Structures are given as structure tokens and as C-alpha cells.
Amino acid sequence: MKAVVTVMPRDDVLDPQGKAVAQALHSLGFADVGDVRVGKTIVLELATTSAAEARSEAEAMARKLLANPVIEQFEVEIKDA
């Protein structure tokens, strides 16, 4: 199974990297760009064949290492290999 963990800054947390990207896009002429949030995507290849087990493992990994729960939130998507 493949687990895709998407980690993003919490909505109430300032995202300086997102602000910098938004400013750079504006300076390149992309005036229609509004708020920008920058996160990360982690793709995990898991040996389990159970979607429920894969989700549980990926969520545990995200809580323990992949995301900082104070400033980030995460979503887990499970895909068949």
C-alpha cells in the first residue's frame, strides 16, 4: 500500500514561506494570486495490504515525526500500490 501524507501549516499560523511565494508570483505578473500556503507531501510505501492498517500506521508516523502538531496539520490518503 502507498500512503500519502500531506502536511500543511495550521490556518491560524503565519506561513512566511507562503507569503514569500505569493510576493514572488505577484512580482512575476501573477496578480490574481491571493493567499499562498506552502506545505510538504510525504509518500510512504508500506508492506501491509490492509487499507485500515496503512492509514493507522501513517497517522501514527505523522503524529510522532512527520508533522509538528503545534503548528501543522496533516491529512493521510491511502492508495493501492
N, C-alpha and C. Protein backbone atom coordinates (compact mmCIF):
# COMPACT_ATOMS: atom_id res chain seq x y z
N MET A 1 0.84 -1.19 0.00
CA MET A 1 0.00 0.00 0.00
C MET A 1 0.88 1.25 0.00
N LYS A 2 0.33 2.29 -0.53
CA LYS A 2 1.01 3.57 -0.54
C LYS A 2 0.19 4.55 0.30
N ALA A 3 0.86 5.25 1.19
CA ALA A 3 0.22 6.29 2.00
C ALA A 3 0.82 7.63 1.61
N VAL A 4 -0.04 8.59 1.36
CA VAL A 4 0.40 9.94 1.02
C VAL A 4 -0.01 10.85 2.18
N VAL A 5 0.99 11.42 2.85
CA VAL A 5 0.75 12.30 3.99
C VAL A 5 1.02 13.73 3.53
N THR A 6 0.01 14.57 3.63
CA THR A 6 0.14 15.98 3.26
C THR A 6 0.16 16.79 4.55
N VAL A 7 1.23 17.55 4.75
CA VAL A 7 1.41 18.35 5.96
C VAL A 7 1.35 19.82 5.56
N MET A 8 0.49 20.56 6.25
CA MET A 8 0.33 21.99 5.96
C MET A 8 0.37 22.79 7.26
N PRO A 9 0.78 24.05 7.20
CA PRO A 9 0.70 24.88 8.39
C PRO A 9 -0.77 25.04 8.81
N ARG A 10 -1.00 25.09 10.10
CA ARG A 10 -2.37 25.33 10.59
C ARG A 10 -2.85 26.69 10.07
N ASP A 11 -4.15 26.82 9.90
CA ASP A 11 -4.73 28.04 9.35
C ASP A 11 -4.39 29.28 10.19
N ASP A 12 -4.27 29.10 11.51
CA ASP A 12 -4.02 30.25 12.38
C ASP A 12 -2.53 30.53 12.59
N VAL A 13 -1.67 29.83 11.85
CA VAL A 13 -0.21 30.01 11.97
C VAL A 13 0.30 30.76 10.75
N LEU A 14 1.14 31.75 11.00
CA LEU A 14 1.75 32.53 9.92
C LEU A 14 2.61 31.61 9.05
N ASP A 15 2.54 31.77 7.74
CA ASP A 15 3.31 30.96 6.80
C ASP A 15 4.24 31.89 6.02
N PRO A 16 5.44 32.17 6.55
CA PRO A 16 6.34 33.10 5.86
C PRO A 16 6.78 32.61 4.49
N GLN A 17 6.93 31.31 4.33
CA GLN A 17 7.32 30.78 3.02
C GLN A 17 6.20 31.01 2.01
N GLY A 18 4.96 30.81 2.44
CA GLY A 18 3.81 31.08 1.57
C GLY A 18 3.73 32.55 1.18
N LYS A 19 4.00 33.44 2.15
CA LYS A 19 3.99 34.88 1.86
C LYS A 19 5.06 35.23 0.83
N ALA A 20 6.25 34.63 0.98
CA ALA A 20 7.34 34.91 0.04
C ALA A 20 6.98 34.42 -1.36
N VAL A 21 6.37 33.25 -1.46
CA VAL A 21 5.96 32.72 -2.76
C VAL A 21 4.90 33.63 -3.38
N ALA A 22 3.93 34.08 -2.58
CA ALA A 22 2.89 34.97 -3.09
C ALA A 22 3.49 36.26 -3.63
N GLN A 23 4.43 36.85 -2.88
CA GLN A 23 5.07 38.09 -3.33
C GLN A 23 5.86 37.87 -4.62
N ALA A 24 6.57 36.74 -4.70
CA ALA A 24 7.34 36.44 -5.91
C ALA A 24 6.42 36.26 -7.11
N LEU A 25 5.29 35.58 -6.92
CA LEU A 25 4.34 35.40 -8.01
C LEU A 25 3.77 36.74 -8.46
N HIS A 26 3.46 37.61 -7.51
CA HIS A 26 2.96 38.94 -7.86
C HIS A 26 4.01 39.71 -8.67
N SER A 27 5.28 39.61 -8.26
CA SER A 27 6.33 40.35 -8.97
C SER A 27 6.57 39.78 -10.37
N LEU A 28 6.15 38.53 -10.59
CA LEU A 28 6.26 37.93 -11.92
C LEU A 28 5.03 38.19 -12.79
N GLY A 29 4.10 38.97 -12.27
CA GLY A 29 2.93 39.34 -13.05
C GLY A 29 1.69 38.52 -12.79
N PHE A 30 1.72 37.64 -11.82
CA PHE A 30 0.54 36.83 -11.49
C PHE A 30 -0.28 37.54 -10.42
N ALA A 31 -0.97 38.58 -10.82
CA ALA A 31 -1.68 39.45 -9.89
C ALA A 31 -2.91 38.79 -9.28
N ASP A 32 -3.44 37.76 -9.90
CA ASP A 32 -4.65 37.11 -9.40
C ASP A 32 -4.40 36.18 -8.22
N VAL A 33 -3.15 35.93 -7.87
CA VAL A 33 -2.83 35.03 -6.76
C VAL A 33 -3.15 35.71 -5.44
N GLY A 34 -3.90 35.01 -4.62
CA GLY A 34 -4.24 35.52 -3.28
C GLY A 34 -3.31 34.91 -2.26
N ASP A 35 -3.88 34.36 -1.22
CA ASP A 35 -3.11 33.74 -0.14
C ASP A 35 -2.44 32.46 -0.64
N VAL A 36 -1.20 32.24 -0.25
CA VAL A 36 -0.46 31.04 -0.61
C VAL A 36 -0.02 30.35 0.67
N ARG A 37 -0.21 29.04 0.76
CA ARG A 37 0.26 28.22 1.88
C ARG A 37 1.21 27.18 1.31
N VAL A 38 2.36 27.00 1.93
CA VAL A 38 3.35 26.03 1.46
C VAL A 38 3.44 24.91 2.49
N GLY A 39 3.34 23.69 2.00
CA GLY A 39 3.44 22.52 2.87
C GLY A 39 4.37 21.49 2.28
N LYS A 40 4.18 20.26 2.69
CA LYS A 40 5.02 19.18 2.17
C LYS A 40 4.18 17.92 2.00
N THR A 41 4.60 17.07 1.08
CA THR A 41 3.95 15.79 0.83
C THR A 41 4.97 14.69 1.02
N ILE A 42 4.60 13.69 1.81
CA ILE A 42 5.47 12.55 2.08
C ILE A 42 4.75 11.31 1.56
N VAL A 43 5.41 10.55 0.68
CA VAL A 43 4.83 9.33 0.13
C VAL A 43 5.53 8.14 0.79
N LEU A 44 4.72 7.30 1.44
CA LEU A 44 5.26 6.14 2.16
C LEU A 44 4.82 4.86 1.47
N GLU A 45 5.74 3.98 1.22
CA GLU A 45 5.45 2.66 0.68
C GLU A 45 5.38 1.72 1.88
N LEU A 46 4.21 1.15 2.15
CA LEU A 46 4.01 0.30 3.32
C LEU A 46 3.78 -1.15 2.90
N ALA A 47 4.28 -2.08 3.70
CA ALA A 47 4.20 -3.51 3.37
C ALA A 47 2.82 -4.10 3.60
N THR A 48 1.99 -3.46 4.38
CA THR A 48 0.67 -4.00 4.69
C THR A 48 -0.25 -4.01 3.47
N THR A 49 -1.21 -4.91 3.45
CA THR A 49 -2.21 -4.95 2.38
C THR A 49 -3.56 -4.46 2.86
N SER A 50 -3.63 -4.07 4.12
CA SER A 50 -4.87 -3.57 4.71
C SER A 50 -4.88 -2.05 4.67
N ALA A 51 -5.89 -1.48 4.05
CA ALA A 51 -6.01 -0.01 3.97
C ALA A 51 -6.16 0.60 5.36
N ALA A 52 -6.92 -0.05 6.22
CA ALA A 52 -7.13 0.46 7.58
C ALA A 52 -5.82 0.46 8.37
N GLU A 53 -5.05 -0.60 8.23
CA GLU A 53 -3.77 -0.68 8.93
C GLU A 53 -2.79 0.35 8.37
N ALA A 54 -2.79 0.52 7.05
CA ALA A 54 -1.90 1.51 6.43
C ALA A 54 -2.24 2.91 6.92
N ARG A 55 -3.53 3.23 6.99
CA ARG A 55 -3.95 4.55 7.47
C ARG A 55 -3.51 4.75 8.92
N SER A 56 -3.74 3.74 9.74
CA SER A 56 -3.38 3.83 11.15
C SER A 56 -1.87 4.05 11.32
N GLU A 57 -1.06 3.29 10.58
CA GLU A 57 0.40 3.44 10.66
C GLU A 57 0.84 4.82 10.19
N ALA A 58 0.30 5.27 9.07
CA ALA A 58 0.69 6.57 8.51
C ALA A 58 0.29 7.71 9.45
N GLU A 59 -0.88 7.61 10.05
CA GLU A 59 -1.31 8.65 11.00
C GLU A 59 -0.40 8.66 12.23
N ALA A 60 0.00 7.48 12.71
CA ALA A 60 0.92 7.41 13.85
C ALA A 60 2.27 8.03 13.49
N MET A 61 2.76 7.74 12.28
CA MET A 61 4.03 8.32 11.82
C MET A 61 3.93 9.84 11.75
N ALA A 62 2.81 10.33 11.24
CA ALA A 62 2.63 11.78 11.11
C ALA A 62 2.59 12.44 12.49
N ARG A 63 1.87 11.83 13.42
CA ARG A 63 1.79 12.41 14.77
C ARG A 63 3.13 12.39 15.49
N LYS A 64 3.93 11.32 15.28
CA LYS A 64 5.18 11.17 16.02
C LYS A 64 6.37 11.86 15.37
N LEU A 65 6.37 12.01 14.03
CA LEU A 65 7.56 12.53 13.37
C LEU A 65 7.30 13.50 12.22
N LEU A 66 6.37 13.18 11.36
CA LEU A 66 6.25 13.90 10.09
C LEU A 66 5.64 15.29 10.22
N ALA A 67 4.81 15.51 11.23
CA ALA A 67 4.16 16.82 11.40
C ALA A 67 4.39 17.31 12.83
N ASN A 68 4.53 18.61 12.95
CA ASN A 68 4.62 19.24 14.26
C ASN A 68 3.20 19.67 14.64
N PRO A 69 2.56 18.97 15.58
CA PRO A 69 1.15 19.24 15.86
C PRO A 69 0.87 20.64 16.41
N VAL A 70 1.89 21.32 16.88
CA VAL A 70 1.69 22.68 17.40
C VAL A 70 1.40 23.66 16.27
N ILE A 71 2.09 23.49 15.14
CA ILE A 71 1.95 24.47 14.06
C ILE A 71 1.48 23.87 12.74
N GLU A 72 1.34 22.53 12.68
CA GLU A 72 0.97 21.89 11.42
C GLU A 72 -0.22 20.95 11.60
N GLN A 73 -0.92 20.75 10.50
CA GLN A 73 -1.98 19.74 10.44
C GLN A 73 -1.65 18.80 9.29
N PHE A 74 -2.23 17.60 9.31
CA PHE A 74 -1.91 16.65 8.25
C PHE A 74 -3.14 15.90 7.81
N GLU A 75 -3.07 15.36 6.58
CA GLU A 75 -4.08 14.51 6.03
C GLU A 75 -3.38 13.27 5.48
N VAL A 76 -4.04 12.12 5.59
CA VAL A 76 -3.49 10.88 5.07
C VAL A 76 -4.43 10.34 4.00
N GLU A 77 -3.85 9.99 2.86
CA GLU A 77 -4.59 9.35 1.77
C GLU A 77 -3.93 8.01 1.50
N ILE A 78 -4.74 6.96 1.40
CA ILE A 78 -4.23 5.62 1.13
C ILE A 78 -4.53 5.27 -0.32
N LYS A 79 -3.50 4.74 -1.01
CA LYS A 79 -3.66 4.33 -2.41
C LYS A 79 -3.17 2.90 -2.54
N ASP A 80 -3.82 2.14 -3.42
CA ASP A 80 -3.34 0.80 -3.71
C ASP A 80 -2.04 0.92 -4.49
N ALA A 81 -1.13 0.01 -4.19
CA ALA A 81 0.19 0.07 -4.84
C ALA A 81 0.10 -0.21 -6.32
